[in-house]
Structures are given as C-alpha cells and as structure tokens.
PDB file of all heavy atoms in Angstrom:
ATOM      1  N   VAL A   1      15.840 -23.752 -28.984  1.00  0.00           N
ATOM      2  CA  VAL A   1      17.009 -24.573 -29.284  1.00  0.00           C
ATOM      3  C   VAL A   1      17.060 -24.861 -30.782  1.00  0.00           C
ATOM      4  O   VAL A   1      18.108 -24.744 -31.425  1.00  0.00           O
ATOM      5  CB  VAL A   1      16.984 -25.892 -28.489  1.00  0.00           C
ATOM      6  CG1 VAL A   1      18.084 -26.833 -28.973  1.00  0.00           C
ATOM      7  CG2 VAL A   1      17.165 -25.615 -27.000  1.00  0.00           C
ATOM      8  N   ARG A   2      15.909 -25.245 -31.343  1.00  0.00           N
ATOM      9  CA  ARG A   2      15.854 -25.550 -32.783  1.00  0.00           C
ATOM     10  C   ARG A   2      16.249 -24.324 -33.616  1.00  0.00           C
ATOM     11  O   ARG A   2      17.058 -24.425 -34.540  1.00  0.00           O
ATOM     12  CB  ARG A   2      14.450 -26.010 -33.152  1.00  0.00           C
ATOM     13  CG  ARG A   2      14.335 -26.501 -34.592  1.00  0.00           C
ATOM     14  CD  ARG A   2      12.897 -26.763 -34.993  1.00  0.00           C
ATOM     15  NE  ARG A   2      12.200 -27.599 -34.020  1.00  0.00           N
ATOM     16  CZ  ARG A   2      11.146 -27.190 -33.331  1.00  0.00           C
ATOM     17  NH1 ARG A   2      10.680 -25.969 -33.468  1.00  0.00           N
ATOM     18  NH2 ARG A   2      10.566 -28.012 -32.491  1.00  0.00           N
ATOM     19  N   GLU A   3      15.690 -23.175 -33.261  1.00  0.00           N
ATOM     20  CA  GLU A   3      15.978 -21.955 -34.037  1.00  0.00           C
ATOM     21  C   GLU A   3      17.423 -21.518 -33.873  1.00  0.00           C
ATOM     22  O   GLU A   3      18.079 -21.117 -34.845  1.00  0.00           O
ATOM     23  CB  GLU A   3      15.034 -20.833 -33.585  1.00  0.00           C
ATOM     24  CG  GLU A   3      13.572 -21.070 -33.956  1.00  0.00           C
ATOM     25  CD  GLU A   3      12.645 -20.011 -33.372  1.00  0.00           C
ATOM     26  OE1 GLU A   3      13.145 -19.136 -32.628  1.00  0.00           O
ATOM     27  OE2 GLU A   3      11.429 -20.077 -33.650  1.00  0.00           O
ATOM     28  N   SER A   4      17.957 -21.598 -32.657  1.00  0.00           N
ATOM     29  CA  SER A   4      19.329 -21.161 -32.413  1.00  0.00           C
ATOM     30  C   SER A   4      20.333 -22.054 -33.116  1.00  0.00           C
ATOM     31  O   SER A   4      21.301 -21.570 -33.717  1.00  0.00           O
ATOM     32  CB  SER A   4      19.623 -21.140 -30.908  1.00  0.00           C
ATOM     33  OG  SER A   4      18.868 -20.144 -30.251  1.00  0.00           O
ATOM     34  N   LEU A   5      20.114 -23.367 -33.073  1.00  0.00           N
ATOM     35  CA  LEU A   5      21.033 -24.284 -33.746  1.00  0.00           C
ATOM     36  C   LEU A   5      20.941 -24.149 -35.256  1.00  0.00           C
ATOM     37  O   LEU A   5      21.950 -24.287 -35.958  1.00  0.00           O
ATOM     38  CB  LEU A   5      20.774 -25.718 -33.318  1.00  0.00           C
ATOM     39  CG  LEU A   5      21.166 -26.053 -31.871  1.00  0.00           C
ATOM     40  CD1 LEU A   5      20.854 -27.509 -31.559  1.00  0.00           C
ATOM     41  CD2 LEU A   5      22.641 -25.773 -31.617  1.00  0.00           C
ATOM     42  N   ARG A   6      19.727 -23.858 -35.764  1.00  0.00           N
ATOM     43  CA  ARG A   6      19.588 -23.626 -37.201  1.00  0.00           C
ATOM     44  C   ARG A   6      20.373 -22.377 -37.608  1.00  0.00           C
ATOM     45  O   ARG A   6      21.076 -22.369 -38.621  1.00  0.00           O
ATOM     46  CB  ARG A   6      18.110 -23.474 -37.570  1.00  0.00           C
ATOM     47  CG  ARG A   6      17.874 -23.324 -39.077  1.00  0.00           C
ATOM     48  CD  ARG A   6      16.412 -23.086 -39.377  1.00  0.00           C
ATOM     49  NE  ARG A   6      15.592 -24.202 -38.919  1.00  0.00           N
ATOM     50  CZ  ARG A   6      14.548 -24.080 -38.094  1.00  0.00           C
ATOM     51  NH1 ARG A   6      14.219 -22.882 -37.625  1.00  0.00           N
ATOM     52  NH2 ARG A   6      13.846 -25.130 -37.740  1.00  0.00           N
ATOM     53  N   GLU A   7      20.250 -21.326 -36.804  1.00  0.00           N
ATOM     54  CA  GLU A   7      20.987 -20.091 -37.095  1.00  0.00           C
ATOM     55  C   GLU A   7      22.487 -20.311 -36.980  1.00  0.00           C
ATOM     56  O   GLU A   7      23.267 -19.836 -37.810  1.00  0.00           O
ATOM     57  CB  GLU A   7      20.550 -18.980 -36.150  1.00  0.00           C
ATOM     58  CG  GLU A   7      21.281 -17.668 -36.354  1.00  0.00           C
ATOM     59  CD  GLU A   7      20.841 -16.595 -35.371  1.00  0.00           C
ATOM     60  OE1 GLU A   7      19.785 -16.771 -34.716  1.00  0.00           O
ATOM     61  OE2 GLU A   7      21.564 -15.589 -35.251  1.00  0.00           O
ATOM     62  N   LEU A   8      22.891 -21.044 -35.959  1.00  0.00           N
ATOM     63  CA  LEU A   8      24.313 -21.323 -35.758  1.00  0.00           C
ATOM     64  C   LEU A   8      24.871 -22.145 -36.926  1.00  0.00           C
ATOM     65  O   LEU A   8      25.991 -21.885 -37.409  1.00  0.00           O
ATOM     66  CB  LEU A   8      24.515 -22.075 -34.443  1.00  0.00           C
ATOM     67  CG  LEU A   8      25.924 -22.251 -33.922  1.00  0.00           C
ATOM     68  CD1 LEU A   8      26.648 -20.923 -33.790  1.00  0.00           C
ATOM     69  CD2 LEU A   8      25.898 -22.980 -32.585  1.00  0.00           C
ATOM     70  N   ASN A   9      24.110 -23.094 -37.394  1.00  0.00           N
ATOM     71  CA  ASN A   9      24.546 -23.900 -38.536  1.00  0.00           C
ATOM     72  C   ASN A   9      24.692 -23.045 -39.789  1.00  0.00           C
ATOM     73  O   ASN A   9      25.646 -23.213 -40.569  1.00  0.00           O
ATOM     74  CB  ASN A   9      23.537 -25.023 -38.789  1.00  0.00           C
ATOM     75  CG  ASN A   9      23.988 -25.947 -39.898  1.00  0.00           C
ATOM     76  OD1 ASN A   9      24.973 -26.652 -39.797  1.00  0.00           O
ATOM     77  ND2 ASN A   9      23.247 -25.947 -41.001  1.00  0.00           N
ATOM     78  N   ARG A  10      23.779 -22.092 -39.982  1.00  0.00           N
ATOM     79  CA  ARG A  10      23.891 -21.196 -41.126  1.00  0.00           C
ATOM     80  C   ARG A  10      25.154 -20.352 -41.057  1.00  0.00           C
ATOM     81  O   ARG A  10      25.869 -20.192 -42.044  1.00  0.00           O
ATOM     82  CB  ARG A  10      22.658 -20.289 -41.214  1.00  0.00           C
ATOM     83  CG  ARG A  10      22.694 -19.285 -42.357  1.00  0.00           C
ATOM     84  CD  ARG A  10      21.441 -18.436 -42.373  1.00  0.00           C
ATOM     85  NE  ARG A  10      21.276 -17.699 -41.143  1.00  0.00           N
ATOM     86  CZ  ARG A  10      21.903 -16.564 -40.849  1.00  0.00           C
ATOM     87  NH1 ARG A  10      22.799 -16.057 -41.703  1.00  0.00           N
ATOM     88  NH2 ARG A  10      21.672 -15.943 -39.707  1.00  0.00           N
ATOM     89  N   LEU A  11      25.470 -19.844 -39.864  1.00  0.00           N
ATOM     90  CA  LEU A  11      26.677 -19.030 -39.704  1.00  0.00           C
ATOM     91  C   LEU A  11      27.926 -19.875 -39.940  1.00  0.00           C
ATOM     92  O   LEU A  11      28.900 -19.387 -40.512  1.00  0.00           O
ATOM     93  CB  LEU A  11      26.695 -18.415 -38.298  1.00  0.00           C
ATOM     94  CG  LEU A  11      25.619 -17.362 -38.007  1.00  0.00           C
ATOM     95  CD1 LEU A  11      25.633 -16.979 -36.529  1.00  0.00           C
ATOM     96  CD2 LEU A  11      25.835 -16.111 -38.860  1.00  0.00           C
ATOM     97  N   GLU A  12      27.893 -21.097 -39.476  1.00  0.00           N
ATOM     98  CA  GLU A  12      29.045 -21.976 -39.688  1.00  0.00           C
ATOM     99  C   GLU A  12      29.228 -22.280 -41.179  1.00  0.00           C
ATOM    100  O   GLU A  12      30.360 -22.322 -41.662  1.00  0.00           O
ATOM    101  CB  GLU A  12      28.856 -23.272 -38.897  1.00  0.00           C
ATOM    102  CG  GLU A  12      28.944 -23.069 -37.386  1.00  0.00           C
ATOM    103  CD  GLU A  12      28.631 -24.335 -36.607  1.00  0.00           C
ATOM    104  OE1 GLU A  12      28.215 -25.332 -37.254  1.00  0.00           O
ATOM    105  OE2 GLU A  12      28.789 -24.334 -35.377  1.00  0.00           O
ATOM    106  N   GLN A  13      28.134 -22.495 -41.887  1.00  0.00           N
ATOM    107  CA  GLN A  13      28.225 -22.745 -43.325  1.00  0.00           C
ATOM    108  C   GLN A  13      28.814 -21.556 -44.069  1.00  0.00           C
ATOM    109  O   GLN A  13      29.494 -21.696 -45.091  1.00  0.00           O
ATOM    110  CB  GLN A  13      26.836 -23.092 -43.891  1.00  0.00           C
ATOM    111  CG  GLN A  13      26.255 -24.399 -43.375  1.00  0.00           C
ATOM    112  CD  GLN A  13      27.083 -25.596 -43.791  1.00  0.00           C
ATOM    113  OE1 GLN A  13      27.618 -25.658 -44.891  1.00  0.00           O
ATOM    114  NE2 GLN A  13      27.210 -26.565 -42.888  1.00  0.00           N
ATOM    115  N   GLU A  14      28.544 -20.347 -43.557  1.00  0.00           N
ATOM    116  CA  GLU A  14      29.073 -19.118 -44.155  1.00  0.00           C
ATOM    117  C   GLU A  14      30.509 -18.831 -43.716  1.00  0.00           C
ATOM    118  O   GLU A  14      31.102 -17.854 -44.153  1.00  0.00           O
ATOM    119  CB  GLU A  14      28.186 -17.930 -43.773  1.00  0.00           C
ATOM    120  CG  GLU A  14      26.762 -18.014 -44.300  1.00  0.00           C
ATOM    121  CD  GLU A  14      25.867 -16.913 -43.723  1.00  0.00           C
ATOM    122  OE1 GLU A  14      26.392 -16.112 -42.889  1.00  0.00           O
ATOM    123  OE2 GLU A  14      24.703 -16.851 -44.097  1.00  0.00           O
ATOM    124  N   ASN A  15      31.055 -19.688 -42.830  1.00  0.00           N
ATOM    125  CA  ASN A  15      32.374 -19.463 -42.242  1.00  0.00           C
ATOM    126  C   ASN A  15      32.443 -18.082 -41.584  1.00  0.00           C
ATOM    127  O   ASN A  15      33.389 -17.315 -41.792  1.00  0.00           O
ATOM    128  CB  ASN A  15      33.475 -19.596 -43.311  1.00  0.00           C
ATOM    129  CG  ASN A  15      34.843 -19.860 -42.697  1.00  0.00           C
ATOM    130  OD1 ASN A  15      34.959 -20.533 -41.678  1.00  0.00           O
ATOM    131  ND2 ASN A  15      35.881 -19.301 -43.303  1.00  0.00           N
ATOM    132  N   CYS A  16      31.432 -17.802 -40.774  1.00  0.00           N
ATOM    133  CA  CYS A  16      31.283 -16.467 -40.157  1.00  0.00           C
ATOM    134  C   CYS A  16      32.518 -16.124 -39.327  1.00  0.00           C
ATOM    135  O   CYS A  16      32.932 -16.883 -38.444  1.00  0.00           O
ATOM    136  CB  CYS A  16      30.045 -16.460 -39.271  1.00  0.00           C
ATOM    137  SG  CYS A  16      29.791 -14.898 -38.400  1.00  0.00           S
ATOM    138  N   PRO A  17      33.136 -14.946 -39.577  1.00  0.00           N
ATOM    139  CA  PRO A  17      34.341 -14.564 -38.827  1.00  0.00           C
ATOM    140  C   PRO A  17      34.046 -13.843 -37.512  1.00  0.00           C
ATOM    141  O   PRO A  17      34.977 -13.435 -36.819  1.00  0.00           O
ATOM    142  CB  PRO A  17      35.044 -13.610 -39.806  1.00  0.00           C
ATOM    143  CG  PRO A  17      33.910 -12.944 -40.530  1.00  0.00           C
ATOM    144  CD  PRO A  17      32.838 -13.984 -40.661  1.00  0.00           C
ATOM    145  N   SER A  18      32.775 -13.682 -37.153  1.00  0.00           N
ATOM    146  CA  SER A  18      32.409 -12.930 -35.953  1.00  0.00           C
ATOM    147  C   SER A  18      32.184 -13.853 -34.768  1.00  0.00           C
ATOM    148  O   SER A  18      31.278 -14.708 -34.799  1.00  0.00           O
ATOM    149  CB  SER A  18      31.138 -12.115 -36.216  1.00  0.00           C
ATOM    150  OG  SER A  18      30.647 -11.539 -35.029  1.00  0.00           O
ATOM    151  N   LEU A  19      32.987 -13.678 -33.733  1.00  0.00           N
ATOM    152  CA  LEU A  19      32.774 -14.435 -32.499  1.00  0.00           C
ATOM    153  C   LEU A  19      31.438 -14.076 -31.864  1.00  0.00           C
ATOM    154  O   LEU A  19      30.730 -14.940 -31.336  1.00  0.00           O
ATOM    155  CB  LEU A  19      33.891 -14.153 -31.494  1.00  0.00           C
ATOM    156  CG  LEU A  19      35.217 -14.902 -31.640  1.00  0.00           C
ATOM    157  CD1 LEU A  19      36.173 -14.435 -30.559  1.00  0.00           C
ATOM    158  CD2 LEU A  19      35.027 -16.394 -31.557  1.00  0.00           C
ATOM    159  N   ASP A  20      31.096 -12.789 -31.897  1.00  0.00           N
ATOM    160  CA  ASP A  20      29.872 -12.334 -31.219  1.00  0.00           C
ATOM    161  C   ASP A  20      28.626 -12.937 -31.841  1.00  0.00           C
ATOM    162  O   ASP A  20      27.708 -13.343 -31.121  1.00  0.00           O
ATOM    163  CB  ASP A  20      29.792 -10.803 -31.271  1.00  0.00           C
ATOM    164  CG  ASP A  20      30.701 -10.154 -30.253  1.00  0.00           C
ATOM    165  OD1 ASP A  20      31.056 -10.800 -29.255  1.00  0.00           O
ATOM    166  OD2 ASP A  20      31.069  -8.974 -30.451  1.00  0.00           O
ATOM    167  N   ARG A  21      28.552 -13.004 -33.155  1.00  0.00           N
ATOM    168  CA  ARG A  21      27.348 -13.515 -33.803  1.00  0.00           C
ATOM    169  C   ARG A  21      27.138 -14.998 -33.510  1.00  0.00           C
ATOM    170  O   ARG A  21      26.039 -15.433 -33.208  1.00  0.00           O
ATOM    171  CB  ARG A  21      27.409 -13.275 -35.298  1.00  0.00           C
ATOM    172  CG  ARG A  21      27.281 -11.817 -35.722  1.00  0.00           C
ATOM    173  CD  ARG A  21      27.329 -11.670 -37.232  1.00  0.00           C
ATOM    174  NE  ARG A  21      26.189 -12.324 -37.856  1.00  0.00           N
ATOM    175  CZ  ARG A  21      26.095 -12.538 -39.176  1.00  0.00           C
ATOM    176  NH1 ARG A  21      27.091 -12.201 -39.970  1.00  0.00           N
ATOM    177  NH2 ARG A  21      25.016 -13.121 -39.672  1.00  0.00           N
ATOM    178  N   THR A  22      28.208 -15.774 -33.606  1.00  0.00           N
ATOM    179  CA  THR A  22      28.071 -17.201 -33.358  1.00  0.00           C
ATOM    180  C   THR A  22      27.822 -17.482 -31.875  1.00  0.00           C
ATOM    181  O   THR A  22      26.957 -18.285 -31.525  1.00  0.00           O
ATOM    182  CB  THR A  22      29.321 -17.965 -33.843  1.00  0.00           C
ATOM    183  OG1 THR A  22      30.485 -17.322 -33.312  1.00  0.00           O
ATOM    184  CG2 THR A  22      29.393 -17.959 -35.353  1.00  0.00           C
ATOM    185  N   ALA A  23      28.575 -16.815 -31.000  1.00  0.00           N
ATOM    186  CA  ALA A  23      28.396 -17.038 -29.562  1.00  0.00           C
ATOM    187  C   ALA A  23      27.025 -16.568 -29.107  1.00  0.00           C
ATOM    188  O   ALA A  23      26.412 -17.160 -28.210  1.00  0.00           O
ATOM    189  CB  ALA A  23      29.491 -16.321 -28.774  1.00  0.00           C
ATOM    190  N   ASP A  24      26.509 -15.505 -29.739  1.00  0.00           N
ATOM    191  CA  ASP A  24      25.184 -15.000 -29.385  1.00  0.00           C
ATOM    192  C   ASP A  24      24.101 -16.043 -29.672  1.00  0.00           C
ATOM    193  O   ASP A  24      23.151 -16.180 -28.913  1.00  0.00           O
ATOM    194  CB  ASP A  24      24.897 -13.712 -30.162  1.00  0.00           C
ATOM    195  CG  ASP A  24      23.480 -13.214 -29.952  1.00  0.00           C
ATOM    196  OD1 ASP A  24      23.174 -12.716 -28.860  1.00  0.00           O
ATOM    197  OD2 ASP A  24      22.657 -13.349 -30.904  1.00  0.00           O
ATOM    198  N   SER A  25      24.250 -16.767 -30.782  1.00  0.00           N
ATOM    199  CA  SER A  25      23.257 -17.787 -31.133  1.00  0.00           C
ATOM    200  C   SER A  25      23.158 -18.849 -30.044  1.00  0.00           C
ATOM    201  O   SER A  25      22.066 -19.252 -29.636  1.00  0.00           O
ATOM    202  CB  SER A  25      23.610 -18.433 -32.470  1.00  0.00           C
ATOM    203  OG  SER A  25      23.576 -17.499 -33.508  1.00  0.00           O
ATOM    204  N   PHE A  26      24.308 -19.313 -29.549  1.00  0.00           N
ATOM    205  CA  PHE A  26      24.278 -20.325 -28.490  1.00  0.00           C
ATOM    206  C   PHE A  26      23.846 -19.712 -27.162  1.00  0.00           C
ATOM    207  O   PHE A  26      23.140 -20.361 -26.376  1.00  0.00           O
ATOM    208  CB  PHE A  26      25.645 -20.983 -28.338  1.00  0.00           C
ATOM    209  CG  PHE A  26      25.633 -22.165 -27.412  1.00  0.00           C
ATOM    210  CD1 PHE A  26      25.270 -23.415 -27.881  1.00  0.00           C
ATOM    211  CD2 PHE A  26      25.929 -22.025 -26.066  1.00  0.00           C
ATOM    212  CE1 PHE A  26      25.221 -24.511 -27.030  1.00  0.00           C
ATOM    213  CE2 PHE A  26      25.887 -23.110 -25.194  1.00  0.00           C
ATOM    214  CZ  PHE A  26      25.538 -24.352 -25.686  1.00  0.00           C
ATOM    215  N   ALA A  27      24.249 -18.481 -26.902  1.00  0.00           N
ATOM    216  CA  ALA A  27      23.873 -17.832 -25.639  1.00  0.00           C
ATOM    217  C   ALA A  27      22.367 -17.680 -25.523  1.00  0.00           C
ATOM    218  O   ALA A  27      21.784 -17.902 -24.454  1.00  0.00           O
ATOM    219  CB  ALA A  27      24.549 -16.458 -25.548  1.00  0.00           C
ATOM    220  N   ARG A  28      21.696 -17.337 -26.619  1.00  0.00           N
ATOM    221  CA  ARG A  28      20.241 -17.197 -26.600  1.00  0.00           C
ATOM    222  C   ARG A  28      19.577 -18.544 -26.404  1.00  0.00           C
ATOM    223  O   ARG A  28      18.472 -18.618 -25.824  1.00  0.00           O
ATOM    224  CB  ARG A  28      19.757 -16.528 -27.875  1.00  0.00           C
ATOM    225  CG  ARG A  28      20.026 -15.039 -27.897  1.00  0.00           C
ATOM    226  CD  ARG A  28      19.410 -14.325 -29.079  1.00  0.00           C
ATOM    227  NE  ARG A  28      20.171 -14.544 -30.303  1.00  0.00           N
ATOM    228  CZ  ARG A  28      19.783 -15.319 -31.295  1.00  0.00           C
ATOM    229  NH1 ARG A  28      18.629 -15.953 -31.234  1.00  0.00           N
ATOM    230  NH2 ARG A  28      20.518 -15.461 -32.381  1.00  0.00           N
ATOM    231  N   LEU A  29      20.207 -19.583 -26.876  1.00  0.00           N
ATOM    232  CA  LEU A  29      19.691 -20.944 -26.647  1.00  0.00           C
ATOM    233  C   LEU A  29      19.640 -21.240 -25.149  1.00  0.00           C
ATOM    234  O   LEU A  29      18.607 -21.658 -24.622  1.00  0.00           O
ATOM    235  CB  LEU A  29      20.595 -21.929 -27.374  1.00  0.00           C
ATOM    236  CG  LEU A  29      20.357 -23.438 -27.286  1.00  0.00           C
ATOM    237  CD1 LEU A  29      21.045 -24.121 -28.454  1.00  0.00           C
ATOM    238  CD2 LEU A  29      20.898 -24.035 -25.984  1.00  0.00           C
ATOM    239  N   LEU A  30      20.737 -21.018 -24.453  1.00  0.00           N
ATOM    240  CA  LEU A  30      20.770 -21.299 -23.027  1.00  0.00           C
ATOM    241  C   LEU A  30      19.906 -20.325 -22.231  1.00  0.00           C
ATOM    242  O   LEU A  30      19.303 -20.680 -21.223  1.00  0.00           O
ATOM    243  CB  LEU A  30      22.207 -21.270 -22.506  1.00  0.00           C
ATOM    244  CG  LEU A  30      22.415 -21.806 -21.091  1.00  0.00           C
ATOM    245  CD1 LEU A  30      21.921 -23.240 -20.969  1.00  0.00           C
ATOM    246  CD2 LEU A  30      23.895 -21.742 -20.704  1.00  0.00           C
ATOM    247  N   GLN A  31      19.846 -19.095 -22.706  1.00  0.00           N
ATOM    248  CA  GLN A  31      19.011 -18.088 -22.042  1.00  0.00           C
ATOM    249  C   GLN A  31      17.548 -18.540 -21.974  1.00  0.00           C
ATOM    250  O   GLN A  31      16.817 -18.216 -21.033  1.00  0.00           O
ATOM    251  CB  GLN A  31      19.111 -16.769 -22.795  1.00  0.00           C
ATOM    252  CG  GLN A  31      18.397 -15.590 -22.146  1.00  0.00           C
ATOM    253  CD  GLN A  31      18.577 -14.329 -22.964  1.00  0.00           C
ATOM    254  OE1 GLN A  31      18.503 -14.346 -24.197  1.00  0.00           O
ATOM    255  NE2 GLN A  31      18.846 -13.223 -22.288  1.00  0.00           N
ATOM    256  N   ALA A  32      17.109 -19.300 -22.976  1.00  0.00           N
ATOM    257  CA  ALA A  32      15.720 -19.750 -23.027  1.00  0.00           C
ATOM    258  C   ALA A  32      15.378 -20.715 -21.907  1.00  0.00           C
ATOM    259  O   ALA A  32      14.198 -20.998 -21.656  1.00  0.00           O
ATOM    260  CB  ALA A  32      15.440 -20.413 -24.377  1.00  0.00           C
ATOM    261  N   ALA A  33      16.384 -21.228 -21.187  1.00  0.00           N
ATOM    262  CA  ALA A  33      16.129 -22.126 -20.062  1.00  0.00           C
ATOM    263  C   ALA A  33      15.638 -21.395 -18.830  1.00  0.00           C
ATOM    264  O   ALA A  33      15.174 -22.018 -17.865  1.00  0.00           O
ATOM    265  CB  ALA A  33      17.390 -22.921 -19.722  1.00  0.00           C
ATOM    266  N   ALA A  34      15.718 -20.059 -18.831  1.00  0.00           N
ATOM    267  CA  ALA A  34      15.297 -19.263 -17.679  1.00  0.00           C
ATOM    268  C   ALA A  34      13.782 -19.120 -17.666  1.00  0.00           C
ATOM    269  O   ALA A  34      13.125 -19.195 -18.716  1.00  0.00           O
ATOM    270  CB  ALA A  34      15.946 -17.876 -17.745  1.00  0.00           C
ATOM    271  N   PRO A  35      13.186 -18.897 -16.484  1.00  0.00           N
ATOM    272  CA  PRO A  35      11.758 -18.572 -16.439  1.00  0.00           C
ATOM    273  C   PRO A  35      11.452 -17.359 -17.313  1.00  0.00           C
ATOM    274  O   PRO A  35      12.300 -16.484 -17.485  1.00  0.00           O
ATOM    275  CB  PRO A  35      11.520 -18.285 -14.955  1.00  0.00           C
ATOM    276  CG  PRO A  35      12.616 -18.977 -14.239  1.00  0.00           C
ATOM    277  CD  PRO A  35      13.807 -18.945 -15.160  1.00  0.00           C
ATOM    278  N   SER A  36      10.247 -17.299 -17.831  1.00  0.00           N
ATOM    279  CA  SER A  36       9.925 -16.299 -18.841  1.00  0.00           C
ATOM    280  C   SER A  36       9.423 -14.971 -18.297  1.00  0.00           C
ATOM    281  O   SER A  36       9.236 -14.023 -19.050  1.00  0.00           O
ATOM    282  CB  SER A  36       8.875 -16.860 -19.823  1.00  0.00           C
ATOM    283  OG  SER A  36       7.698 -17.241 -19.112  1.00  0.00           O
ATOM    284  N   ASP A  37       9.186 -14.891 -16.991  1.00  0.00           N
ATOM    285  CA  ASP A  37       8.635 -13.637 -16.466  1.00  0.00           C
ATOM    286  C   ASP A  37       9.159 -13.347 -15.063  1.00  0.00           C
ATOM    287  O   ASP A  37       9.776 -14.195 -14.421  1.00  0.00           O
ATOM    288  CB  ASP A  37       7.099 -13.681 -16.473  1.00  0.00           C
ATOM    289  CG  ASP A  37       6.554 -14.876 -15.684  1.00  0.00           C
ATOM    290  OD1 ASP A  37       7.369 -15.635 -15.106  1.00  0.00           O
ATOM    291  OD2 ASP A  37       5.340 -15.042 -15.634  1.00  0.00           O
TER     292      ASP A  37
END
C-alpha cells in the first residue's frame, strides 16, 4: 500500500496522461490483499 500510493502520488505530480499506469498502481495495491501462494 505504501509503495503503490507513493508511486501513484508521483504519477499525479507528473500529471500522467495514462489511465493504465495510474490505475495499475491502485490495482496492485488491492491485489496485495490476496493470499500469496
């Protein structure tokens, strides 16, 4: 969560025009809630 939100904040500061890059950052955050194996 910490890493994904840090990355998302960086993309927002850059005014990133890519939906995929920003949405991917949050998607990986939620993905981490799944069991690991």
